[in-house]
Protein backbone atom coordinates (compact mmCIF):
# COMPACT_ATOMS: atom_id res chain seq x y z
CA UNK A 1 22.71 -14.55 -42.68
CA UNK A 2 22.47 -12.11 -39.72
CA UNK A 3 21.17 -13.50 -36.45
CA UNK A 4 18.08 -11.89 -34.93
CA UNK A 5 18.11 -10.95 -31.26
CA UNK A 6 15.33 -11.99 -28.92
CA UNK A 7 13.84 -9.11 -26.86
CA UNK A 8 15.61 -10.00 -23.56
CA UNK A 9 18.95 -9.80 -25.34
CA UNK A 10 18.19 -6.56 -27.17
CA UNK A 11 16.30 -4.55 -24.55
CA UNK A 12 17.63 -2.83 -21.43
CA UNK A 13 17.41 -5.28 -18.53
CA UNK A 14 19.45 -3.73 -15.71
CA UNK A 15 16.69 -2.05 -13.69
CA UNK A 16 15.94 -3.35 -10.20
CA UNK A 17 13.24 -6.05 -10.44
CA UNK A 18 9.87 -5.23 -8.92
CA UNK A 19 8.79 -7.18 -5.83
CA UNK A 20 6.24 -9.93 -6.37
CA UNK A 21 3.24 -8.99 -4.21
CA UNK A 22 -0.43 -10.00 -4.07
CA UNK A 23 -2.58 -7.79 -6.30
CA UNK A 24 -4.96 -6.76 -3.52
CA UNK A 25 -4.80 -5.35 0.01
CA UNK A 26 -7.69 -5.07 2.44
CA UNK A 27 -7.54 -2.54 5.29
CA UNK A 28 -9.31 -3.43 8.53
CA UNK A 29 -9.44 -1.30 11.67
CA UNK A 30 -11.25 -3.52 14.19
CA UNK A 31 -10.22 -6.93 15.47
CA UNK A 32 -13.51 -8.49 14.37
CA UNK A 33 -13.06 -7.31 10.80
CA UNK A 34 -9.39 -8.30 10.82
CA UNK A 35 -10.44 -11.83 11.74
CA UNK A 36 -13.07 -11.94 8.98
CA UNK A 37 -10.52 -10.68 6.47
CA UNK A 38 -7.98 -13.27 7.60
CA UNK A 39 -10.52 -16.05 7.11
CA UNK A 40 -11.33 -14.76 3.64
CA UNK A 41 -7.63 -14.51 2.80
CA UNK A 42 -7.25 -18.18 3.67
CA UNK A 43 -10.29 -19.21 1.62
CA UNK A 44 -9.19 -17.29 -1.47
CA UNK A 45 -5.67 -18.67 -1.37
CA UNK A 46 -3.67 -15.59 -0.45
CA UNK A 47 -4.73 -13.33 -3.33
CA UNK A 48 -4.73 -10.27 -1.04
CA UNK A 49 -2.73 -8.85 1.83
CA UNK A 50 -4.38 -7.80 5.07
CA UNK A 51 -3.34 -4.42 6.48
CA UNK A 52 -4.32 -3.90 10.12
CA UNK A 53 -4.98 -0.21 10.64
CA UNK A 54 -3.42 1.37 13.71
CA UNK A 55 -3.95 4.92 12.41
CA UNK A 56 -7.60 5.55 11.51
CA UNK A 57 -8.64 2.31 13.19
CA UNK A 58 -7.40 3.32 16.64
CA UNK A 59 -9.77 4.95 19.17
CA UNK A 60 -8.57 8.42 20.09
CA UNK A 61 -6.65 8.22 23.37
CA UNK A 62 -6.26 4.43 23.24
CA UNK A 63 -3.79 4.14 20.37
CA UNK A 64 -1.34 1.98 22.32
CA UNK A 65 -4.09 -0.31 23.56
CA UNK A 66 -5.28 -0.74 20.00
CA UNK A 67 -1.73 -1.46 18.79
CA UNK A 68 -1.37 -4.08 21.52
CA UNK A 69 -4.47 -5.88 20.28
CA UNK A 70 -3.24 -5.67 16.68
CA UNK A 71 0.18 -7.02 17.63
CA UNK A 72 -1.35 -9.98 19.48
CA UNK A 73 -3.67 -10.65 16.54
CA UNK A 74 -0.80 -10.76 14.07
CA UNK A 75 1.38 -12.85 16.40
CA UNK A 76 -1.12 -15.71 16.50
CA UNK A 77 -2.20 -15.50 12.82
CA UNK A 78 -1.69 -18.68 10.75
CA UNK A 79 1.83 -19.22 9.46
CA UNK A 80 0.81 -18.73 5.83
CA UNK A 81 -1.06 -15.45 6.45
CA UNK A 82 0.30 -12.21 4.97
CA UNK A 83 -0.51 -9.45 7.42
CA UNK A 84 0.95 -5.95 7.61
CA UNK A 85 0.10 -2.86 9.60
CA UNK A 86 -0.40 0.86 9.04
CA UNK A 87 1.11 2.89 11.87
CA UNK A 88 0.68 6.55 12.79
CA UNK A 89 2.71 9.18 10.90
CA UNK A 90 6.16 10.21 12.06
CA UNK A 91 4.69 13.51 13.31
CA UNK A 92 2.47 11.66 15.80
CA UNK A 93 3.23 11.48 19.52
CA UNK A 94 2.60 7.72 19.56
CA UNK A 95 4.31 6.35 16.46
CA UNK A 96 7.61 5.32 18.09
CA UNK A 97 5.96 3.53 20.98
CA UNK A 98 3.48 1.95 18.58
CA UNK A 99 6.27 0.72 16.30
CA UNK A 100 8.27 -0.66 19.22
CA UNK A 101 5.25 -2.51 20.58
CA UNK A 102 4.27 -4.02 17.23
CA UNK A 103 7.80 -5.28 16.61
CA UNK A 104 8.01 -6.69 20.12
CA UNK A 105 4.74 -8.58 19.76
CA UNK A 106 4.79 -9.57 16.09
CA UNK A 107 8.10 -8.60 14.52
CA UNK A 108 8.70 -12.03 13.02
CA UNK A 109 5.25 -12.07 11.42
CA UNK A 110 4.84 -8.60 9.89
CA UNK A 111 4.72 -8.64 6.08
CA UNK A 112 5.08 -4.86 5.80
CA UNK A 113 4.60 -1.57 7.65
CA UNK A 114 2.77 1.34 6.00
CA UNK A 115 3.77 4.91 6.89
CA UNK A 116 1.06 7.55 6.24
CA UNK A 117 1.33 11.31 5.82
CA UNK A 118 5.09 11.45 5.29
CA UNK A 119 6.06 15.10 4.90
CA UNK A 120 9.16 14.27 2.88
CA UNK A 121 12.20 12.05 2.67
CA UNK A 122 13.28 12.97 6.22
CA UNK A 123 10.13 11.41 7.73
CA UNK A 124 10.62 8.22 5.73
CA UNK A 125 14.30 7.98 6.63
CA UNK A 126 13.39 8.55 10.28
CA UNK A 127 10.86 5.71 10.18
CA UNK A 128 13.27 3.36 8.39
CA UNK A 129 16.05 4.09 10.87
CA UNK A 130 13.71 3.54 13.82
CA UNK A 131 12.49 0.30 12.27
CA UNK A 132 16.01 -1.05 11.80
CA UNK A 133 17.12 0.08 15.26
CA UNK A 134 14.17 -1.60 16.96
CA UNK A 135 14.65 -4.78 14.93
CA UNK A 136 18.27 -4.91 16.06
CA UNK A 137 17.41 -4.18 19.68
CA UNK A 138 14.71 -6.85 19.80
CA UNK A 139 16.61 -9.39 17.71
CA UNK A 140 13.95 -9.51 14.98
CA UNK A 141 15.43 -11.46 12.05
CA UNK A 142 12.63 -10.85 9.57
CA UNK A 143 13.22 -8.17 6.94
CA UNK A 144 10.20 -5.85 7.16
CA UNK A 145 9.69 -3.51 4.19
CA UNK A 146 8.14 -0.05 4.41
CA UNK A 147 5.20 1.10 2.28
CA UNK A 148 4.93 4.89 2.06
CA UNK A 149 1.74 6.85 1.43
CA UNK A 150 2.44 9.77 -0.93
CA UNK A 151 -0.25 12.25 0.12
CA UNK A 152 1.50 15.54 0.98
CA UNK A 153 3.17 18.25 -1.07
CA UNK A 154 6.51 17.51 0.59
CA UNK A 155 6.39 13.78 -0.12
CA UNK A 156 5.53 14.35 -3.78
CA UNK A 157 8.30 16.95 -4.12
CA UNK A 158 10.85 14.44 -2.78
CA UNK A 159 9.30 11.28 -4.20
CA UNK A 160 12.40 10.18 -6.13
CA UNK A 161 14.52 10.48 -3.00
CA UNK A 162 11.91 8.51 -1.05
CA UNK A 163 11.79 5.74 -3.65
CA UNK A 164 15.60 5.49 -3.58
CA UNK A 165 15.74 4.70 0.15
CA UNK A 166 16.71 1.07 0.90
CA UNK A 167 13.82 -0.67 2.63
CA UNK A 168 11.00 1.09 0.75
CA UNK A 169 8.93 -1.50 -1.12
CA UNK A 170 5.82 0.41 -2.21
CA UNK A 171 4.68 3.98 -2.85
CA UNK A 172 0.91 4.36 -2.34
CA UNK A 173 -0.93 7.45 -3.59
CA UNK A 174 -3.24 8.95 -0.96
CA UNK A 175 -5.96 10.78 -2.89
CA UNK A 176 -8.10 12.21 -0.09
CA UNK A 177 -5.27 13.70 1.96
CA UNK A 178 -3.54 14.98 -1.17
CA UNK A 179 -6.70 16.78 -2.32
CA UNK A 180 -7.21 18.14 1.19
CA UNK A 181 -3.66 19.52 1.19
CA UNK A 182 -4.64 21.80 -1.69
CA UNK A 183 -7.06 23.71 0.58
CA UNK A 184 -9.92 23.85 -1.88
CA UNK A 185 -7.89 24.39 -5.03
CA UNK A 186 -8.90 20.90 -6.19
CA UNK A 187 -12.67 20.44 -6.14
CA UNK A 188 -14.59 17.56 -4.59
CA UNK A 189 -15.34 16.12 -8.02
CA UNK A 190 -11.70 15.05 -8.21
CA UNK A 191 -12.28 12.58 -5.36
CA UNK A 192 -13.89 10.11 -7.77
CA UNK A 193 -13.95 9.26 -11.46
CA UNK A 194 -13.43 10.76 -13.90
CA UNK A 195 -11.87 13.66 -11.97
CA UNK A 196 -9.38 11.52 -10.09
CA UNK A 197 -7.79 10.63 -13.43
CA UNK A 198 -8.35 13.84 -15.38
CA UNK A 199 -7.57 16.70 -13.00
CA UNK A 200 -4.15 17.98 -14.15
CA UNK A 201 -2.70 18.24 -10.63
CA UNK A 202 -3.72 14.67 -9.78
CA UNK A 203 -2.57 13.23 -13.10
CA UNK A 204 0.77 14.95 -12.67
CA UNK A 205 1.14 13.69 -9.08
CA UNK A 206 0.36 10.09 -10.01
CA UNK A 207 2.67 9.99 -13.00
CA UNK A 208 5.48 11.54 -10.97
CA UNK A 209 5.04 8.94 -8.23
CA UNK A 210 4.92 6.07 -10.74
CA UNK A 211 8.05 7.29 -12.51
CA UNK A 212 9.94 7.49 -9.22
CA UNK A 213 8.78 4.07 -8.06
CA UNK A 214 9.59 2.24 -11.28
CA UNK A 215 12.99 3.94 -11.51
CA UNK A 216 14.00 2.33 -8.21
CA UNK A 217 12.24 -1.04 -8.40
CA UNK A 218 9.48 0.02 -6.00
CA UNK A 219 5.81 -0.90 -6.45
CA UNK A 220 3.61 2.13 -7.33
CA UNK A 221 0.16 1.85 -5.78
CA UNK A 222 -3.01 3.75 -6.65
CA UNK A 223 -5.45 5.43 -4.29
CA UNK A 224 -8.83 4.44 -2.88
CA UNK A 225 -11.92 4.00 -4.97
CA UNK A 226 -15.06 5.49 -3.44
CA UNK A 227 -17.47 3.43 -5.56
CA UNK A 228 -18.09 1.09 -2.65
CA UNK A 229 -21.42 -0.27 -3.88
CA UNK A 230 -20.56 -0.60 -7.55
CA UNK A 231 -18.03 -3.35 -8.36
CA UNK A 232 -18.11 -2.53 -12.07
CA UNK A 233 -17.11 1.08 -11.36
CA UNK A 234 -14.29 -0.12 -9.14
CA UNK A 235 -13.14 -2.44 -11.91
CA UNK A 236 -13.36 0.39 -14.47
CA UNK A 237 -11.30 2.63 -12.17
CA UNK A 238 -8.69 -0.08 -11.71
CA UNK A 239 -8.55 -0.76 -15.44
CA UNK A 240 -8.08 2.92 -16.22
CA UNK A 241 -5.36 3.23 -13.58
CA UNK A 242 -3.52 0.30 -15.11
CA UNK A 243 -3.84 1.32 -18.74
CA UNK A 244 -3.29 5.08 -18.40
CA UNK A 245 -1.01 5.35 -15.37
CA UNK A 246 0.99 2.09 -15.42
CA UNK A 247 -0.88 0.90 -12.33
CA UNK A 248 -2.99 -2.18 -11.74
CA UNK A 249 -5.62 -3.05 -9.17
CA UNK A 250 -4.08 -3.67 -5.78
CA UNK A 251 -6.89 -3.01 -3.38
CA UNK A 252 -10.29 -3.80 -4.68
CA UNK A 253 -12.76 -5.68 -2.54
CA UNK A 254 -10.92 -8.97 -1.92
CA UNK A 255 -13.69 -11.04 -3.49
CA UNK A 256 -13.07 -9.33 -6.85
CA UNK A 257 -9.72 -11.07 -7.10
CA UNK A 258 -11.38 -14.45 -6.74
CA UNK A 259 -13.81 -13.65 -9.58
CA UNK A 260 -11.00 -12.66 -11.90
CA UNK A 261 -11.96 -8.96 -11.83
CA UNK A 262 -8.41 -7.75 -12.20
CA UNK A 263 -6.85 -5.76 -15.03
CA UNK A 264 -3.86 -7.43 -16.64
CA UNK A 265 -0.65 -6.91 -14.68
CA UNK A 266 2.77 -6.15 -16.13
CA UNK A 267 4.44 -9.13 -17.83
CA UNK A 268 5.58 -11.68 -15.29
CA UNK A 269 9.24 -12.21 -14.55
CA UNK A 270 10.36 -15.74 -13.70
CA UNK A 271 6.78 -16.77 -13.04
CA UNK A 272 6.10 -14.06 -10.45
CA UNK A 273 3.28 -11.52 -10.44
CA UNK A 274 4.00 -7.95 -9.38
CA UNK A 275 1.51 -5.67 -7.70
CA UNK A 276 1.76 -2.42 -9.63
CA UNK A 277 -0.61 -0.08 -7.89
CA UNK A 278 -3.77 -0.46 -5.87
CA UNK A 279 -7.28 0.68 -5.22
CA UNK A 280 -7.95 0.57 -1.49
CA UNK A 281 -11.67 -0.01 -1.26
CA UNK A 282 -13.60 -0.44 1.91
CA UNK A 283 -15.68 -3.59 1.48
CA UNK A 284 -19.29 -3.35 0.42
CA UNK A 285 -20.51 -6.22 2.57
CA UNK A 286 -19.35 -9.21 4.55
CA UNK A 287 -16.22 -7.71 6.07
CA UNK A 288 -17.73 -4.42 7.21
CA UNK A 289 -16.46 -0.97 6.30
CA UNK A 290 -13.25 0.44 7.71
CA UNK A 291 -11.28 3.58 6.83
CA UNK A 292 -9.12 3.20 3.75
CA UNK A 293 -5.74 4.90 3.37
CA UNK A 294 -5.44 8.37 1.93
């Protein structure tokens, strides 16, 4: 009698495993809101990451002062906190100094660094090389992954090369900047549902990014939801992203995660839960409203 094979034995299993990450990230641009988010993270049991925003959150002309405050905040955060940071793009005049300062102040505490507005693989490689060089110079032992916002024509064109770079952990789609890069060719209706899922150029961009990410064991992350005052719409957006684009909710309002308002994630491996995409939503109440990525 022939023996039947169980799925793990019969199916292809040699792809790089996806990182196990919390299903939600909250962006905060002011120290007061960072502190509120950190307190909520502790109360909810670590169901979301906190991303301190040094790009849109920084006052113009005081970027380094803002980064100093962020670095000090992260340095003294509780040991069990998961806190990352979004820096300025590699085209900015301040990004190197900002990166150096953040690593000096909080290098052993940073959960991740997010790079916005990458123009292509060269920008991402530049940031990764600078990150590793500064870690070595400062003696930072912690391995700090890079999350890359895919929100330019160049980044999308080279998305497979970006995903293949060692040190990249997540690719995050940046809807607003990507639409803006089309100079009016994509209408404003595509900034929210149903256009954000149905416009051919956006659907193509998202599926291309997801394919690249999953091919290299990188987490693909969805864009912001603008339905800030309608949790059910946010949930519907997240559900559609998961079911139609192989993405799941990563940044809803943090309280949604506590109420179980999360679409089903990919099957767990060895008891871990992977974050496969996100909706970065500025909070409706309680934490205040800060700029969200992309």
